[in-house]
Each structure stands twice: as structure tokens, then as C-alpha cells.
């Protein structure tokens, strides 16, 4: 029979218990957000860099004790609204603590694993942007309703078509490292999703689950709205082993007309990719990049689509 020893010293027991109680931290990622919090007299920091250094020291200390800590973003505007909704004084540490617990429960989070904050924060911002995009796209789908003619759930039908379109798109692109962007005009801001995929020797593409979910949701929103939108792929092909060729990139594009990706011609892809979206001015093409027509997808749209 195996005996299990338990700590008898109270301080040892408390340290052991501390390792089983997770922590959360909400970080002011940029100087602007940090400055916004300085209007509260009880906020104890004057310098953003010093604040980040002290936060990182604390996080490393918790990690060394075996404490699991999740990191989220502290949004001063959202914090102010949170306090107003709950009639809390925003100039109290307890209010900041309650808000931190709330965003850890409902917002985008990452687990701290000892890395420098300079490496973690860009990933956290990406995750927060991804969740905001998913929330927006999900709201669009939720408002799509049902088909007036047959009663079908339009959101479900659009998501199924988006999944099918992505599968066929990746199959048509073949081997390589693919960077896909889907954009849909859906009010302000427009919906934008990015997906990275890698496939070798004809194997099934490797995809990140969270990226794939957001990408398909945005694409489905475009199908449901039937609003202007497009897909762009940038593929880095593997080097030819026998010829020693260097990898090169190929850019292709599709428009989301008729609730299905329709391929653009090479000239259209070049024009779209080499034009500044804000100013409309031309952008010099990149060296070593081919601008090719979008590949036609084999499955036509469902004739009963909406």
C-alpha cells in the first residue's frame, strides 16, 4: 500500500494550496491605454515601461510557484462602462480587480508560460482581435434569420457552405504554406479574418482550430449577407528538390459573388493586391511574387441557396 504524505506545517500547506488556485492579470498593452488609467489617483504607476517590468516580475514569481496565470487585455473604456453599469467607483483597486476577473471569464486570454511580455502581448492582441471578429460575425449570422420560402436556418446553411468552400479552396491550392485573408463589408468595422495552413505531400492541411472557426464564420457572414467581399491567398510553394529552386510566392483571389467564391483573373488579382485600400494609390509589386488567376472550385453553389 502506497502512503501519501501531506504537509503538516501551515505555511507549507498554504503554499501547496496556492499552487491550486489560478490567477488572472489584465494588462494595459499600449501607452495610450496606460495614460487613460493614470487619471485615477489610486492607479499606482507613472511609467508604462516600468509598469510592464513590474508586471512581468510578478508573473514570473507566480510561475515559479507553480501558479497558473491567464493574461487578458485591460481596456480603460470598457472598464469605465463596466463600473458605470455596476455602480462601482472606478478609482478603487477592488473595482479594477473585479473587472480583471470579468474579462478573464468572458474575454480573450492566454496562459502565461514564462515568456517575456514583449513576446506575449502581440499574441494577446491578435487573440483579442480574433474574438472580436468572431463576435461580430456571429452576430451577423444570428440576425440572418430563416428563409421566407422554405424556413431553412440561413446561418446554418451559410456556415455549411463556408466550410465546404474552405475545404475545396485548400485542396485546389495543394502543397505549400498558405496565408488566406477573407474580407466582408458588414458595417463598421468590416469583417476581416486570416487563416494560415500548411500542407505537404498531399496530406491534409494543418490548421489552427480557432483561426479556422473565425475564418469560416466570417466567410459564412459574407454568404448570408450577400455583401461585397473577397478572398485572397498567398502561397509559398516548397522548393523543387531536384532543381534546387528557391521557394516563391503566388497570390490568387476570389470574389464572394452569388454566395460562392468566384475566381478573379490575374490582372484583377494584381490590381486588387497592388492598390492601397485607403488611398487607392498603386503599390509597387513585390519581387518574386506571381499574381495568378483564382482557381475555380469544383463544387458549384447549391441551387437551393439563399
C-alpha atoms as a PDB file:
ATOM      1  CA  UNK A   1       0.000   0.000   0.000  1.00  0.00           C
ATOM      2  CA  UNK A   2       1.404   3.366  -1.005  1.00  0.00           C
ATOM      3  CA  UNK A   3       1.296   6.063   1.650  1.00  0.00           C
ATOM      4  CA  UNK A   4       0.657   9.679   0.780  1.00  0.00           C
ATOM      5  CA  UNK A   5       2.360  12.342   2.849  1.00  0.00           C
ATOM      6  CA  UNK A   6       0.559  15.588   3.428  1.00  0.00           C
ATOM      7  CA  UNK A   7       2.119  18.850   4.597  1.00  0.00           C
ATOM      8  CA  UNK A   8       1.600  19.414   8.316  1.00  0.00           C
ATOM      9  CA  UNK A   9       3.196  22.848   8.582  1.00  0.00           C
ATOM     10  CA  UNK A  10       0.510  25.536   7.954  1.00  0.00           C
ATOM     11  CA  UNK A  11       2.785  27.686   5.787  1.00  0.00           C
ATOM     12  CA  UNK A  12       3.726  24.699   3.628  1.00  0.00           C
ATOM     13  CA  UNK A  13       0.072  23.770   3.294  1.00  0.00           C
ATOM     14  CA  UNK A  14      -0.827  27.318   2.248  1.00  0.00           C
ATOM     15  CA  UNK A  15       1.889  27.306  -0.453  1.00  0.00           C
ATOM     16  CA  UNK A  16       0.621  23.978  -1.724  1.00  0.00           C
ATOM     17  CA  UNK A  17      -2.921  25.319  -1.808  1.00  0.00           C
ATOM     18  CA  UNK A  18      -1.777  28.487  -3.594  1.00  0.00           C
ATOM     19  CA  UNK A  19      -0.487  26.381  -6.466  1.00  0.00           C
ATOM     20  CA  UNK A  20      -4.006  25.057  -6.984  1.00  0.00           C
ATOM     21  CA  UNK A  21      -5.689  28.475  -7.122  1.00  0.00           C
ATOM     22  CA  UNK A  22      -5.295  30.064 -10.579  1.00  0.00           C
ATOM     23  CA  UNK A  23      -4.610  33.767 -11.043  1.00  0.00           C
ATOM     24  CA  UNK A  24      -5.558  36.289 -13.706  1.00  0.00           C
ATOM     25  CA  UNK A  25      -3.995  39.541 -14.825  1.00  0.00           C
ATOM     26  CA  UNK A  26      -5.286  42.191 -17.222  1.00  0.00           C
ATOM     27  CA  UNK A  27      -2.536  44.209 -18.865  1.00  0.00           C
ATOM     28  CA  UNK A  28      -2.546  47.709 -20.325  1.00  0.00           C
ATOM     29  CA  UNK A  29      -0.830  46.770 -23.554  1.00  0.00           C
ATOM     30  CA  UNK A  30      -0.071  50.193 -25.012  1.00  0.00           C
ATOM     31  CA  UNK A  31       0.895  53.672 -23.900  1.00  0.00           C
ATOM     32  CA  UNK A  32      -2.496  55.166 -24.777  1.00  0.00           C
ATOM     33  CA  UNK A  33      -4.432  52.771 -22.546  1.00  0.00           C
ATOM     34  CA  UNK A  34      -1.883  53.249 -19.774  1.00  0.00           C
ATOM     35  CA  UNK A  35      -2.259  57.025 -19.960  1.00  0.00           C
ATOM     36  CA  UNK A  36      -6.045  56.699 -19.748  1.00  0.00           C
ATOM     37  CA  UNK A  37      -5.740  54.849 -16.429  1.00  0.00           C
ATOM     38  CA  UNK A  38      -3.456  57.463 -14.914  1.00  0.00           C
ATOM     39  CA  UNK A  39      -6.427  59.778 -14.372  1.00  0.00           C
ATOM     40  CA  UNK A  40      -7.363  57.615 -11.393  1.00  0.00           C
ATOM     41  CA  UNK A  41      -5.342  58.703  -8.306  1.00  0.00           C
ATOM     42  CA  UNK A  42      -5.269  55.162  -6.891  1.00  0.00           C
ATOM     43  CA  UNK A  43      -3.605  53.788 -10.021  1.00  0.00           C
ATOM     44  CA  UNK A  44      -0.073  53.393  -8.673  1.00  0.00           C
ATOM     45  CA  UNK A  45       2.100  53.691 -11.809  1.00  0.00           C
ATOM     46  CA  UNK A  46       3.636  56.642 -13.651  1.00  0.00           C
ATOM     47  CA  UNK A  47       5.627  54.974 -16.420  1.00  0.00           C
ATOM     48  CA  UNK A  48       4.358  52.350 -18.860  1.00  0.00           C
ATOM     49  CA  UNK A  49       7.685  50.560 -19.266  1.00  0.00           C
ATOM     50  CA  UNK A  50       8.169  50.362 -15.513  1.00  0.00           C
ATOM     51  CA  UNK A  51       4.607  49.054 -15.175  1.00  0.00           C
ATOM     52  CA  UNK A  52       5.276  46.279 -17.700  1.00  0.00           C
ATOM     53  CA  UNK A  53       8.570  45.343 -15.999  1.00  0.00           C
ATOM     54  CA  UNK A  54       6.911  45.074 -12.602  1.00  0.00           C
ATOM     55  CA  UNK A  55       4.017  43.091 -14.020  1.00  0.00           C
ATOM     56  CA  UNK A  56       6.415  40.680 -15.708  1.00  0.00           C
ATOM     57  CA  UNK A  57       8.342  40.241 -12.453  1.00  0.00           C
ATOM     58  CA  UNK A  58       5.105  39.376 -10.669  1.00  0.00           C
ATOM     59  CA  UNK A  59       4.063  36.930 -13.376  1.00  0.00           C
ATOM     60  CA  UNK A  60       7.431  35.176 -13.259  1.00  0.00           C
ATOM     61  CA  UNK A  61       7.163  34.942  -9.479  1.00  0.00           C
ATOM     62  CA  UNK A  62       3.747  33.304  -9.733  1.00  0.00           C
ATOM     63  CA  UNK A  63       5.003  30.918 -12.418  1.00  0.00           C
ATOM     64  CA  UNK A  64       7.968  29.911 -10.228  1.00  0.00           C
ATOM     65  CA  UNK A  65       5.466  28.948  -7.522  1.00  0.00           C
ATOM     66  CA  UNK A  66       3.577  26.747  -9.948  1.00  0.00           C
ATOM     67  CA  UNK A  67       0.597  29.105 -10.148  1.00  0.00           C
ATOM     68  CA  UNK A  68      -1.344  29.048 -13.433  1.00  0.00           C
ATOM     69  CA  UNK A  69      -1.961  32.627 -14.595  1.00  0.00           C
ATOM     70  CA  UNK A  70      -4.089  33.792 -17.514  1.00  0.00           C
ATOM     71  CA  UNK A  71      -3.440  37.129 -19.198  1.00  0.00           C
ATOM     72  CA  UNK A  72      -6.073  39.357 -20.786  1.00  0.00           C
ATOM     73  CA  UNK A  73      -6.204  42.934 -22.042  1.00  0.00           C
ATOM     74  CA  UNK A  74      -7.320  45.802 -19.803  1.00  0.00           C
ATOM     75  CA  UNK A  75      -9.499  48.167 -21.835  1.00  0.00           C
ATOM     76  CA  UNK A  76      -9.975  51.510 -19.997  1.00  0.00           C
ATOM     77  CA  UNK A  77     -13.122  52.412 -21.970  1.00  0.00           C
ATOM     78  CA  UNK A  78     -14.723  49.034 -21.304  1.00  0.00           C
ATOM     79  CA  UNK A  79     -13.643  49.312 -17.664  1.00  0.00           C
ATOM     80  CA  UNK A  80     -15.355  52.678 -17.297  1.00  0.00           C
ATOM     81  CA  UNK A  81     -18.585  51.271 -18.744  1.00  0.00           C
ATOM     82  CA  UNK A  82     -18.307  48.181 -16.541  1.00  0.00           C
ATOM     83  CA  UNK A  83     -18.053  50.354 -13.432  1.00  0.00           C
ATOM     84  CA  UNK A  84     -20.955  52.562 -14.547  1.00  0.00           C
ATOM     85  CA  UNK A  85     -23.189  49.546 -15.212  1.00  0.00           C
ATOM     86  CA  UNK A  86     -22.483  48.077 -11.763  1.00  0.00           C
ATOM     87  CA  UNK A  87     -22.371  51.408  -9.898  1.00  0.00           C
ATOM     88  CA  UNK A  88     -18.739  50.834  -8.917  1.00  0.00           C
ATOM     89  CA  UNK A  89     -16.181  53.502  -8.148  1.00  0.00           C
ATOM     90  CA  UNK A  90     -13.579  53.178 -10.958  1.00  0.00           C
ATOM     91  CA  UNK A  91     -10.936  54.734  -8.721  1.00  0.00           C
ATOM     92  CA  UNK A  92     -10.726  51.725  -6.432  1.00  0.00           C
ATOM     93  CA  UNK A  93      -8.332  48.763  -6.649  1.00  0.00           C
ATOM     94  CA  UNK A  94     -11.233  46.447  -5.859  1.00  0.00           C
ATOM     95  CA  UNK A  95     -13.112  47.650  -8.944  1.00  0.00           C
ATOM     96  CA  UNK A  96     -10.069  47.001 -11.132  1.00  0.00           C
ATOM     97  CA  UNK A  97      -9.780  43.545  -9.615  1.00  0.00           C
ATOM     98  CA  UNK A  98     -13.436  42.746 -10.321  1.00  0.00           C
ATOM     99  CA  UNK A  99     -13.075  43.928 -13.919  1.00  0.00           C
ATOM    100  CA  UNK A 100      -9.955  41.790 -14.352  1.00  0.00           C
ATOM    101  CA  UNK A 101     -11.859  38.727 -13.164  1.00  0.00           C
ATOM    102  CA  UNK A 102     -14.707  39.538 -15.573  1.00  0.00           C
ATOM    103  CA  UNK A 103     -12.509  39.865 -18.675  1.00  0.00           C
ATOM    104  CA  UNK A 104     -10.669  36.682 -17.686  1.00  0.00           C
ATOM    105  CA  UNK A 105     -14.045  34.944 -17.743  1.00  0.00           C
ATOM    106  CA  UNK A 106     -15.508  36.476 -20.895  1.00  0.00           C
ATOM    107  CA  UNK A 107     -12.647  37.981 -22.908  1.00  0.00           C
ATOM    108  CA  UNK A 108      -9.658  36.743 -24.869  1.00  0.00           C
ATOM    109  CA  UNK A 109      -6.965  35.190 -22.687  1.00  0.00           C
ATOM    110  CA  UNK A 110      -3.606  33.476 -22.984  1.00  0.00           C
ATOM    111  CA  UNK A 111      -1.797  31.370 -20.417  1.00  0.00           C
ATOM    112  CA  UNK A 112       1.420  32.846 -19.110  1.00  0.00           C
ATOM    113  CA  UNK A 113       4.276  30.377 -19.526  1.00  0.00           C
ATOM    114  CA  UNK A 114       7.282  32.451 -18.532  1.00  0.00           C
ATOM    115  CA  UNK A 115       7.845  34.263 -21.828  1.00  0.00           C
ATOM    116  CA  UNK A 116       8.685  37.997 -21.945  1.00  0.00           C
ATOM    117  CA  UNK A 117       5.655  40.265 -22.164  1.00  0.00           C
ATOM    118  CA  UNK A 118       7.093  41.768 -25.352  1.00  0.00           C
ATOM    119  CA  UNK A 119       6.504  38.383 -26.998  1.00  0.00           C
ATOM    120  CA  UNK A 120       3.168  37.642 -25.348  1.00  0.00           C
ATOM    121  CA  UNK A 121       1.379  40.959 -25.869  1.00  0.00           C
ATOM    122  CA  UNK A 122       1.251  40.873 -29.704  1.00  0.00           C
ATOM    123  CA  UNK A 123      -0.216  37.361 -29.490  1.00  0.00           C
ATOM    124  CA  UNK A 124      -2.753  38.550 -26.940  1.00  0.00           C
ATOM    125  CA  UNK A 125      -3.777  41.480 -29.145  1.00  0.00           C
ATOM    126  CA  UNK A 126      -4.208  39.066 -32.069  1.00  0.00           C
ATOM    127  CA  UNK A 127      -6.348  36.777 -29.935  1.00  0.00           C
ATOM    128  CA  UNK A 128      -8.492  39.696 -28.776  1.00  0.00           C
ATOM    129  CA  UNK A 129      -8.954  40.889 -32.376  1.00  0.00           C
ATOM    130  CA  UNK A 130      -9.860  37.356 -33.418  1.00  0.00           C
ATOM    131  CA  UNK A 131     -12.503  37.067 -30.699  1.00  0.00           C
ATOM    132  CA  UNK A 132     -13.944  40.487 -31.549  1.00  0.00           C
ATOM    133  CA  UNK A 133     -14.189  39.440 -35.206  1.00  0.00           C
ATOM    134  CA  UNK A 134     -15.886  36.194 -34.250  1.00  0.00           C
ATOM    135  CA  UNK A 135     -18.368  38.034 -32.017  1.00  0.00           C
ATOM    136  CA  UNK A 136     -19.200  40.470 -34.839  1.00  0.00           C
ATOM    137  CA  UNK A 137     -19.550  37.744 -37.485  1.00  0.00           C
ATOM    138  CA  UNK A 138     -21.603  35.543 -35.149  1.00  0.00           C
ATOM    139  CA  UNK A 139     -23.946  38.461 -34.527  1.00  0.00           C
ATOM    140  CA  UNK A 140     -24.378  38.942 -38.262  1.00  0.00           C
ATOM    141  CA  UNK A 141     -25.265  35.278 -38.684  1.00  0.00           C
ATOM    142  CA  UNK A 142     -27.613  35.313 -35.705  1.00  0.00           C
ATOM    143  CA  UNK A 143     -29.585  38.128 -37.343  1.00  0.00           C
ATOM    144  CA  UNK A 144     -29.793  36.327 -40.693  1.00  0.00           C
ATOM    145  CA  UNK A 145     -32.997  34.574 -39.647  1.00  0.00           C
ATOM    146  CA  UNK A 146     -34.760  31.942 -41.722  1.00  0.00           C
ATOM    147  CA  UNK A 147     -35.601  31.625 -45.392  1.00  0.00           C
ATOM    148  CA  UNK A 148     -39.024  33.100 -46.076  1.00  0.00           C
ATOM    149  CA  UNK A 149     -39.672  30.455 -48.741  1.00  0.00           C
ATOM    150  CA  UNK A 150     -38.582  27.209 -47.072  1.00  0.00           C
ATOM    151  CA  UNK A 151     -37.920  28.097 -43.451  1.00  0.00           C
ATOM    152  CA  UNK A 152     -34.278  26.905 -43.515  1.00  0.00           C
ATOM    153  CA  UNK A 153     -31.906  28.486 -40.995  1.00  0.00           C
ATOM    154  CA  UNK A 154     -29.795  30.822 -43.132  1.00  0.00           C
ATOM    155  CA  UNK A 155     -26.885  30.926 -40.684  1.00  0.00           C
ATOM    156  CA  UNK A 156     -26.568  27.139 -40.617  1.00  0.00           C
ATOM    157  CA  UNK A 157     -26.751  26.918 -44.413  1.00  0.00           C
ATOM    158  CA  UNK A 158     -24.176  29.701 -44.866  1.00  0.00           C
ATOM    159  CA  UNK A 159     -21.734  28.126 -42.407  1.00  0.00           C
ATOM    160  CA  UNK A 160     -22.018  24.741 -44.119  1.00  0.00           C
ATOM    161  CA  UNK A 161     -21.263  26.363 -47.480  1.00  0.00           C
ATOM    162  CA  UNK A 162     -18.335  28.286 -45.985  1.00  0.00           C
ATOM    163  CA  UNK A 163     -16.838  25.076 -44.607  1.00  0.00           C
ATOM    164  CA  UNK A 164     -17.240  23.395 -47.988  1.00  0.00           C
ATOM    165  CA  UNK A 165     -15.701  26.365 -49.798  1.00  0.00           C
ATOM    166  CA  UNK A 166     -12.657  26.424 -47.498  1.00  0.00           C
ATOM    167  CA  UNK A 167     -12.074  22.686 -47.898  1.00  0.00           C
ATOM    168  CA  UNK A 168     -12.197  22.950 -51.673  1.00  0.00           C
ATOM    169  CA  UNK A 169     -10.045  26.071 -51.712  1.00  0.00           C
ATOM    170  CA  UNK A 170      -7.271  24.402 -49.695  1.00  0.00           C
ATOM    171  CA  UNK A 171      -7.498  21.273 -51.828  1.00  0.00           C
ATOM    172  CA  UNK A 172      -7.114  23.348 -55.004  1.00  0.00           C
ATOM    173  CA  UNK A 173      -4.089  25.233 -53.617  1.00  0.00           C
ATOM    174  CA  UNK A 174      -2.265  21.973 -52.903  1.00  0.00           C
ATOM    175  CA  UNK A 175       1.101  21.713 -51.167  1.00  0.00           C
ATOM    176  CA  UNK A 176       2.733  24.752 -49.610  1.00  0.00           C
ATOM    177  CA  UNK A 177       2.301  27.295 -46.867  1.00  0.00           C
ATOM    178  CA  UNK A 178      -0.883  29.270 -47.398  1.00  0.00           C
ATOM    179  CA  UNK A 179      -1.841  32.653 -45.965  1.00  0.00           C
ATOM    180  CA  UNK A 180      -5.562  33.278 -46.552  1.00  0.00           C
ATOM    181  CA  UNK A 181      -7.473  36.504 -45.968  1.00  0.00           C
ATOM    182  CA  UNK A 182     -11.266  36.865 -46.104  1.00  0.00           C
ATOM    183  CA  UNK A 183     -12.837  40.331 -46.038  1.00  0.00           C
ATOM    184  CA  UNK A 184     -16.545  41.135 -45.931  1.00  0.00           C
ATOM    185  CA  UNK A 185     -18.300  44.502 -45.922  1.00  0.00           C
ATOM    186  CA  UNK A 186     -20.527  44.160 -42.859  1.00  0.00           C
ATOM    187  CA  UNK A 187     -20.886  47.649 -41.452  1.00  0.00           C
ATOM    188  CA  UNK A 188     -18.212  49.296 -39.343  1.00  0.00           C
ATOM    189  CA  UNK A 189     -15.775  47.799 -38.930  1.00  0.00           C
ATOM    190  CA  UNK A 190     -15.651  45.454 -41.897  1.00  0.00           C
ATOM    191  CA  UNK A 191     -15.074  41.794 -41.126  1.00  0.00           C
ATOM    192  CA  UNK A 192     -11.547  40.524 -41.720  1.00  0.00           C
ATOM    193  CA  UNK A 193     -10.231  37.039 -40.931  1.00  0.00           C
ATOM    194  CA  UNK A 194      -6.821  35.476 -41.501  1.00  0.00           C
ATOM    195  CA  UNK A 195      -6.017  31.776 -41.744  1.00  0.00           C
ATOM    196  CA  UNK A 196      -2.661  30.003 -42.016  1.00  0.00           C
ATOM    197  CA  UNK A 197      -2.472  26.499 -43.448  1.00  0.00           C
ATOM    198  CA  UNK A 198       0.382  24.172 -44.354  1.00  0.00           C
ATOM    199  CA  UNK A 199       0.209  21.043 -46.477  1.00  0.00           C
ATOM    200  CA  UNK A 200       2.971  18.673 -47.555  1.00  0.00           C
ATOM    201  CA  UNK A 201       2.965  15.681 -49.907  1.00  0.00           C
ATOM    202  CA  UNK A 202      -0.774  15.875 -50.433  1.00  0.00           C
ATOM    203  CA  UNK A 203      -1.547  15.455 -46.743  1.00  0.00           C
ATOM    204  CA  UNK A 204      -4.480  17.104 -45.026  1.00  0.00           C
ATOM    205  CA  UNK A 205      -3.697  20.781 -44.334  1.00  0.00           C
ATOM    206  CA  UNK A 206      -2.596  21.700 -40.824  1.00  0.00           C
ATOM    207  CA  UNK A 207      -4.909  24.385 -39.415  1.00  0.00           C
ATOM    208  CA  UNK A 208      -5.321  26.178 -36.102  1.00  0.00           C
ATOM    209  CA  UNK A 209      -8.808  25.435 -34.768  1.00  0.00           C
ATOM    210  CA  UNK A 210      -9.535  28.968 -33.517  1.00  0.00           C
ATOM    211  CA  UNK A 211      -8.367  30.602 -36.772  1.00  0.00           C
ATOM    212  CA  UNK A 212     -10.431  28.154 -38.826  1.00  0.00           C
ATOM    213  CA  UNK A 213     -13.594  28.798 -36.814  1.00  0.00           C
ATOM    214  CA  UNK A 214     -13.295  32.573 -37.170  1.00  0.00           C
ATOM    215  CA  UNK A 215     -12.432  32.339 -40.877  1.00  0.00           C
ATOM    216  CA  UNK A 216     -15.435  30.131 -41.662  1.00  0.00           C
ATOM    217  CA  UNK A 217     -17.732  32.356 -39.588  1.00  0.00           C
ATOM    218  CA  UNK A 218     -16.639  35.485 -41.472  1.00  0.00           C
ATOM    219  CA  UNK A 219     -16.981  33.707 -44.811  1.00  0.00           C
ATOM    220  CA  UNK A 220     -20.429  32.467 -43.787  1.00  0.00           C
ATOM    221  CA  UNK A 221     -21.433  36.011 -42.828  1.00  0.00           C
ATOM    222  CA  UNK A 222     -20.438  37.127 -46.310  1.00  0.00           C
ATOM    223  CA  UNK A 223     -22.546  34.375 -47.852  1.00  0.00           C
ATOM    224  CA  UNK A 224     -25.530  35.181 -45.629  1.00  0.00           C
ATOM    225  CA  UNK A 225     -25.363  38.934 -46.262  1.00  0.00           C
ATOM    226  CA  UNK A 226     -24.514  38.557 -49.936  1.00  0.00           C
ATOM    227  CA  UNK A 227     -22.498  41.726 -49.467  1.00  0.00           C
ATOM    228  CA  UNK A 228     -19.253  42.706 -51.212  1.00  0.00           C
ATOM    229  CA  UNK A 229     -16.318  40.621 -50.104  1.00  0.00           C
ATOM    230  CA  UNK A 230     -13.336  38.670 -51.270  1.00  0.00           C
ATOM    231  CA  UNK A 231     -10.737  36.009 -50.614  1.00  0.00           C
ATOM    232  CA  UNK A 232      -7.005  36.294 -51.188  1.00  0.00           C
ATOM    233  CA  UNK A 233      -4.453  33.508 -50.881  1.00  0.00           C
ATOM    234  CA  UNK A 234      -0.694  33.864 -50.767  1.00  0.00           C
ATOM    235  CA  UNK A 235       1.058  30.533 -51.177  1.00  0.00           C
ATOM    236  CA  UNK A 236       4.725  29.813 -50.621  1.00  0.00           C
ATOM    237  CA  UNK A 237       5.443  26.704 -52.626  1.00  0.00           C
ATOM    238  CA  UNK A 238       8.059  24.196 -51.464  1.00  0.00           C
ATOM    239  CA  UNK A 239      11.354  24.344 -53.339  1.00  0.00           C
ATOM    240  CA  UNK A 240      11.836  21.846 -56.118  1.00  0.00           C
ATOM    241  CA  UNK A 241      14.175  19.202 -54.708  1.00  0.00           C
ATOM    242  CA  UNK A 242      15.762  18.184 -57.973  1.00  0.00           C
ATOM    243  CA  UNK A 243      16.332  21.628 -59.464  1.00  0.00           C
ATOM    244  CA  UNK A 244      17.215  23.414 -56.253  1.00  0.00           C
ATOM    245  CA  UNK A 245      14.700  26.170 -56.971  1.00  0.00           C
ATOM    246  CA  UNK A 246      14.092  28.725 -54.264  1.00  0.00           C
ATOM    247  CA  UNK A 247      10.550  28.927 -52.841  1.00  0.00           C
ATOM    248  CA  UNK A 248       8.360  31.574 -54.472  1.00  0.00           C
ATOM    249  CA  UNK A 249       5.001  33.110 -53.615  1.00  0.00           C
ATOM    250  CA  UNK A 250       1.825  33.028 -55.671  1.00  0.00           C
ATOM    251  CA  UNK A 251      -1.101  35.348 -54.971  1.00  0.00           C
ATOM    252  CA  UNK A 252      -4.624  34.417 -56.084  1.00  0.00           C
ATOM    253  CA  UNK A 253      -8.022  35.991 -55.485  1.00  0.00           C
ATOM    254  CA  UNK A 254     -11.756  35.324 -55.480  1.00  0.00           C
ATOM    255  CA  UNK A 255     -14.853  37.478 -55.106  1.00  0.00           C
ATOM    256  CA  UNK A 256     -17.783  36.336 -52.973  1.00  0.00           C
ATOM    257  CA  UNK A 257     -20.431  36.859 -55.619  1.00  0.00           C
ATOM    258  CA  UNK A 258     -23.574  34.713 -55.587  1.00  0.00           C
ATOM    259  CA  UNK A 259     -22.671  33.291 -52.146  1.00  0.00           C
ATOM    260  CA  UNK A 260     -19.758  31.310 -53.529  1.00  0.00           C
ATOM    261  CA  UNK A 261     -16.093  32.178 -54.270  1.00  0.00           C
ATOM    262  CA  UNK A 262     -15.712  33.195 -57.910  1.00  0.00           C
ATOM    263  CA  UNK A 263     -12.126  33.329 -59.265  1.00  0.00           C
ATOM    264  CA  UNK A 264     -10.594  36.636 -60.300  1.00  0.00           C
ATOM    265  CA  UNK A 265      -8.360  36.953 -63.333  1.00  0.00           C
ATOM    266  CA  UNK A 266      -4.626  37.561 -62.953  1.00  0.00           C
ATOM    267  CA  UNK A 267      -5.000  41.244 -63.852  1.00  0.00           C
ATOM    268  CA  UNK A 268      -7.787  41.666 -61.298  1.00  0.00           C
ATOM    269  CA  UNK A 269      -5.673  39.968 -58.628  1.00  0.00           C
ATOM    270  CA  UNK A 270      -2.731  42.235 -59.433  1.00  0.00           C
ATOM    271  CA  UNK A 271      -4.905  45.358 -59.295  1.00  0.00           C
ATOM    272  CA  UNK A 272      -6.552  44.361 -56.010  1.00  0.00           C
ATOM    273  CA  UNK A 273      -3.324  43.282 -54.298  1.00  0.00           C
ATOM    274  CA  UNK A 274      -1.217  46.197 -55.521  1.00  0.00           C
ATOM    275  CA  UNK A 275      -3.620  49.009 -54.599  1.00  0.00           C
ATOM    276  CA  UNK A 276      -3.647  50.847 -51.282  1.00  0.00           C
ATOM    277  CA  UNK A 277      -7.077  50.170 -49.744  1.00  0.00           C
ATOM    278  CA  UNK A 278      -7.200  53.575 -48.049  1.00  0.00           C
ATOM    279  CA  UNK A 279      -5.853  55.904 -50.740  1.00  0.00           C
ATOM    280  CA  UNK A 280      -6.491  53.923 -53.921  1.00  0.00           C
ATOM    281  CA  UNK A 281      -2.901  54.586 -54.981  1.00  0.00           C
ATOM    282  CA  UNK A 282      -0.926  51.814 -56.688  1.00  0.00           C
ATOM    283  CA  UNK A 283       1.588  49.816 -54.627  1.00  0.00           C
ATOM    284  CA  UNK A 284       4.760  48.528 -56.330  1.00  0.00           C
ATOM    285  CA  UNK A 285       4.540  44.773 -56.878  1.00  0.00           C
ATOM    286  CA  UNK A 286       6.795  42.607 -54.739  1.00  0.00           C
ATOM    287  CA  UNK A 287       9.824  40.996 -56.297  1.00  0.00           C
ATOM    288  CA  UNK A 288       9.484  37.255 -56.716  1.00  0.00           C
ATOM    289  CA  UNK A 289       5.692  37.195 -56.356  1.00  0.00           C
ATOM    290  CA  UNK A 290       3.461  35.770 -59.081  1.00  0.00           C
ATOM    291  CA  UNK A 291      -0.074  37.190 -59.470  1.00  0.00           C
ATOM    292  CA  UNK A 292      -2.187  34.342 -60.813  1.00  0.00           C
ATOM    293  CA  UNK A 293      -5.887  33.859 -61.507  1.00  0.00           C
ATOM    294  CA  UNK A 294      -8.002  32.345 -58.760  1.00  0.00           C
ATOM    295  CA  UNK A 295      -8.577  28.631 -59.126  1.00  0.00           C
ATOM    296  CA  UNK A 296     -12.151  27.550 -59.879  1.00  0.00           C
ATOM    297  CA  UNK A 297     -13.724  25.467 -57.130  1.00  0.00           C
ATOM    298  CA  UNK A 298     -15.153  22.207 -58.337  1.00  0.00           C
ATOM    299  CA  UNK A 299     -18.435  22.197 -56.431  1.00  0.00           C
ATOM    300  CA  UNK A 300     -20.952  24.703 -57.783  1.00  0.00           C
ATOM    301  CA  UNK A 301     -23.252  26.599 -55.428  1.00  0.00           C
ATOM    302  CA  UNK A 302     -26.225  24.709 -54.075  1.00  0.00           C
ATOM    303  CA  UNK A 303     -29.105  25.560 -56.429  1.00  0.00           C
ATOM    304  CA  UNK A 304     -31.312  25.942 -53.338  1.00  0.00           C
ATOM    305  CA  UNK A 305     -29.043  28.560 -51.728  1.00  0.00           C
ATOM    306  CA  UNK A 306     -30.399  31.766 -50.276  1.00  0.00           C
END
